[in-house]
Amino acid sequence: MAKVRELENVIAQLASVRDSVRDVSINAYKDAGSALWAGQKRDRFTERFDTAKSSHARISEQIGQAISDCKSRQRSLAFSINPLEHPSLSAQAITIALN
């Protein structure tokens, strides 16, 4: 049960980080930065910006995958508690894992 709760805290923290990453408006940096550059420097800025934008998108996806992995592990742990031996703990763990 302690591991189920611990994973719930990890999931909440990961969700908070994912939300913060999503709140970053990466395109605002493009508009601000591209005005400062001209010619080849602008091309270099654009290439590096595109790389950063791609990395930003992957970060959000990776955090989402980590959340999914934690939820899966949490469900496995919850359903591994024997409901005949520990009915209350089993019910609590399953309730947490399924929310």
Protein backbone atom coordinates (compact mmCIF):
# COMPACT_ATOMS: atom_id res chain seq x y z
CA MET A 1 0.00 0.00 0.00
CA ALA A 2 2.87 2.36 0.80
CA LYS A 3 4.29 1.89 -2.71
CA VAL A 4 0.88 2.60 -4.26
CA ARG A 5 0.71 5.88 -2.35
CA GLU A 6 4.33 6.69 -3.15
CA LEU A 7 3.63 6.21 -6.85
CA GLU A 8 0.57 8.45 -6.53
CA ASN A 9 2.87 11.22 -5.26
CA VAL A 10 5.35 10.61 -8.07
CA ILE A 11 2.54 10.73 -10.63
CA ALA A 12 1.28 14.03 -9.20
CA GLN A 13 4.79 15.52 -9.35
CA LEU A 14 5.30 14.34 -12.92
CA ALA A 15 1.92 15.78 -13.93
CA SER A 16 2.91 19.11 -12.41
CA VAL A 17 6.18 19.14 -14.34
CA ARG A 18 4.36 18.16 -17.55
CA ASP A 19 1.90 21.02 -17.04
CA SER A 20 4.77 23.45 -16.50
CA VAL A 21 6.48 22.25 -19.67
CA ARG A 22 3.23 22.67 -21.61
CA ASP A 23 2.83 26.20 -20.25
CA VAL A 24 6.09 27.29 -21.86
CA SER A 25 5.26 29.07 -25.09
CA ILE A 26 8.28 28.12 -27.13
CA ASN A 27 7.03 30.08 -30.14
CA ALA A 28 7.32 33.31 -28.17
CA TYR A 29 11.08 32.74 -28.12
CA LYS A 30 11.14 32.37 -31.90
CA ASP A 31 9.37 35.66 -32.42
CA ALA A 32 11.61 37.43 -29.94
CA GLY A 33 14.88 35.88 -31.11
CA SER A 34 14.41 35.94 -34.86
CA ALA A 35 14.04 39.72 -34.93
CA LEU A 36 17.55 40.08 -33.54
CA TRP A 37 19.25 38.09 -36.29
CA ALA A 38 19.74 38.59 -40.01
CA GLY A 39 21.17 36.54 -42.87
CA GLN A 40 23.23 33.47 -41.98
CA LYS A 41 22.93 34.15 -38.27
CA ARG A 42 19.17 34.07 -38.62
CA ASP A 43 19.39 30.73 -40.42
CA ARG A 44 21.57 29.36 -37.61
CA PHE A 45 19.11 30.73 -35.03
CA THR A 46 16.20 29.11 -36.87
CA GLU A 47 17.97 25.73 -37.04
CA ARG A 48 18.79 25.80 -33.35
CA PHE A 49 15.32 27.01 -32.47
CA ASP A 50 13.75 24.13 -34.43
CA THR A 51 15.99 21.68 -32.57
CA ALA A 52 14.95 23.19 -29.23
CA LYS A 53 11.27 23.10 -30.23
CA SER A 54 11.55 19.42 -31.14
CA SER A 55 13.28 18.66 -27.84
CA HIS A 56 10.56 20.55 -25.97
CA ALA A 57 7.86 18.43 -27.62
CA ARG A 58 9.73 15.20 -26.82
CA ILE A 59 10.08 16.18 -23.16
CA SER A 60 6.32 16.46 -22.77
CA GLU A 61 5.83 13.09 -24.48
CA GLN A 62 8.47 11.45 -22.30
CA ILE A 63 6.90 12.80 -19.12
CA GLY A 64 3.53 11.48 -20.30
CA GLN A 65 5.10 8.06 -20.88
CA ALA A 66 6.66 8.13 -17.40
CA ILE A 67 3.24 8.88 -15.92
CA SER A 68 1.72 6.00 -17.87
CA ASP A 69 4.47 3.64 -16.69
CA CYS A 70 3.94 4.70 -13.07
CA LYS A 71 0.17 4.21 -13.34
CA SER A 72 0.72 0.74 -14.81
CA ARG A 73 3.11 -0.21 -12.00
CA GLN A 74 0.70 1.25 -9.45
CA ARG A 75 -2.18 -0.85 -10.81
CA SER A 76 -0.02 -3.99 -10.71
CA LEU A 77 0.91 -3.34 -7.11
CA ALA A 78 -2.67 -2.57 -6.11
CA PHE A 79 -4.04 -5.75 -7.67
CA SER A 80 -1.26 -7.83 -6.09
CA ILE A 81 -2.70 -7.20 -2.62
CA ASN A 82 -4.73 -10.26 -1.71
CA PRO A 83 -8.33 -9.10 -1.14
CA LEU A 84 -9.13 -12.16 0.98
CA GLU A 85 -6.29 -11.48 3.41
CA HIS A 86 -6.45 -7.66 3.34
CA PRO A 87 -9.84 -6.58 2.00
CA SER A 88 -9.62 -2.99 3.21
CA LEU A 89 -6.06 -2.40 1.99
CA SER A 90 -6.87 -4.04 -1.32
CA ALA A 91 -9.91 -1.83 -1.86
CA GLN A 92 -7.99 1.32 -0.91
CA ALA A 93 -5.06 0.48 -3.17
CA ILE A 94 -7.31 -0.34 -6.13
CA THR A 95 -9.30 2.86 -5.63
CA ILE A 96 -6.10 4.94 -5.63
CA ALA A 97 -4.68 3.11 -8.65
CA LEU A 98 -7.82 3.45 -10.75
CA ASN A 99 -8.25 7.18 -10.18
